[in-house]
Amino acid sequence: MGKIIGIGTGRGIGLMFILMGLIIMLITMLGYYYPPLRKVEIELPDAT
């Protein structure tokens, strides 16, 4: 793990940023492949 984020003070927060970025990318991809969420702009009427 030290080769990726280094060693020393503050490396835990670096690891956390990497993990959170990966989790956000995963959630985004899952949302894209969920058809009701992808079509929400088309199916819901405007609130005007």
C-alpha atoms as a PDB file:
ATOM      1  CA  MET A   1       0.000   0.000   0.000  1.00  0.00           C
ATOM      2  CA  GLY A   2       2.916   2.328   0.645  1.00  0.00           C
ATOM      3  CA  LYS A   3       3.869   2.326  -3.036  1.00  0.00           C
ATOM      4  CA  ILE A   4       0.474   3.738  -3.998  1.00  0.00           C
ATOM      5  CA  ILE A   5      -0.153   6.422  -1.371  1.00  0.00           C
ATOM      6  CA  GLY A   6       3.253   6.694   0.244  1.00  0.00           C
ATOM      7  CA  ILE A   7       4.208   6.347   3.884  1.00  0.00           C
ATOM      8  CA  GLY A   8       4.206   8.760   6.765  1.00  0.00           C
ATOM      9  CA  THR A   9       1.899  11.321   8.282  1.00  0.00           C
ATOM     10  CA  GLY A  10      -1.374  12.007   6.480  1.00  0.00           C
ATOM     11  CA  ARG A  11      -1.401   8.841   4.391  1.00  0.00           C
ATOM     12  CA  GLY A  12      -4.619   7.626   6.005  1.00  0.00           C
ATOM     13  CA  ILE A  13      -6.550  10.580   4.615  1.00  0.00           C
ATOM     14  CA  GLY A  14      -5.017   9.882   1.199  1.00  0.00           C
ATOM     15  CA  LEU A  15      -6.268   6.309   1.357  1.00  0.00           C
ATOM     16  CA  MET A  16      -9.686   7.535   2.435  1.00  0.00           C
ATOM     17  CA  PHE A  17      -9.869   9.926  -0.552  1.00  0.00           C
ATOM     18  CA  ILE A  18      -8.957   7.102  -2.933  1.00  0.00           C
ATOM     19  CA  LEU A  19     -11.565   4.768  -1.435  1.00  0.00           C
ATOM     20  CA  MET A  20     -14.290   7.429  -1.417  1.00  0.00           C
ATOM     21  CA  GLY A  21     -13.556   8.259  -5.060  1.00  0.00           C
ATOM     22  CA  LEU A  22     -13.879   4.603  -6.020  1.00  0.00           C
ATOM     23  CA  ILE A  23     -17.142   4.285  -4.090  1.00  0.00           C
ATOM     24  CA  ILE A  24     -18.570   7.402  -5.772  1.00  0.00           C
ATOM     25  CA  MET A  25     -17.609   6.046  -9.202  1.00  0.00           C
ATOM     26  CA  LEU A  26     -19.313   2.730  -8.386  1.00  0.00           C
ATOM     27  CA  ILE A  27     -22.516   4.443  -7.218  1.00  0.00           C
ATOM     28  CA  THR A  28     -22.537   6.623 -10.348  1.00  0.00           C
ATOM     29  CA  MET A  29     -22.180   3.608 -12.625  1.00  0.00           C
ATOM     30  CA  LEU A  30     -24.928   1.733 -10.772  1.00  0.00           C
ATOM     31  CA  GLY A  31     -27.215   4.752 -11.079  1.00  0.00           C
ATOM     32  CA  TYR A  32     -26.542   4.966 -14.803  1.00  0.00           C
ATOM     33  CA  TYR A  33     -27.521   1.337 -15.312  1.00  0.00           C
ATOM     34  CA  TYR A  34     -30.779   1.727 -13.329  1.00  0.00           C
ATOM     35  CA  PRO A  35     -33.334   2.658 -16.039  1.00  0.00           C
ATOM     36  CA  PRO A  36     -35.919   4.477 -13.844  1.00  0.00           C
ATOM     37  CA  LEU A  37     -33.224   6.831 -12.578  1.00  0.00           C
ATOM     38  CA  ARG A  38     -31.811   7.380 -16.057  1.00  0.00           C
ATOM     39  CA  LYS A  39     -35.288   8.236 -17.457  1.00  0.00           C
ATOM     40  CA  VAL A  40     -36.440  10.475 -14.602  1.00  0.00           C
ATOM     41  CA  GLU A  41     -36.171  13.664 -16.715  1.00  0.00           C
ATOM     42  CA  ILE A  42     -38.432  12.154 -19.367  1.00  0.00           C
ATOM     43  CA  GLU A  43     -41.046  10.529 -17.126  1.00  0.00           C
ATOM     44  CA  LEU A  44     -41.611  13.195 -14.462  1.00  0.00           C
ATOM     45  CA  PRO A  45     -43.568  16.319 -15.409  1.00  0.00           C
ATOM     46  CA  ASP A  46     -42.061  19.746 -14.875  1.00  0.00           C
ATOM     47  CA  ALA A  47     -43.053  21.497 -11.646  1.00  0.00           C
ATOM     48  CA  THR A  48     -44.180  24.774 -13.198  1.00  0.00           C
END
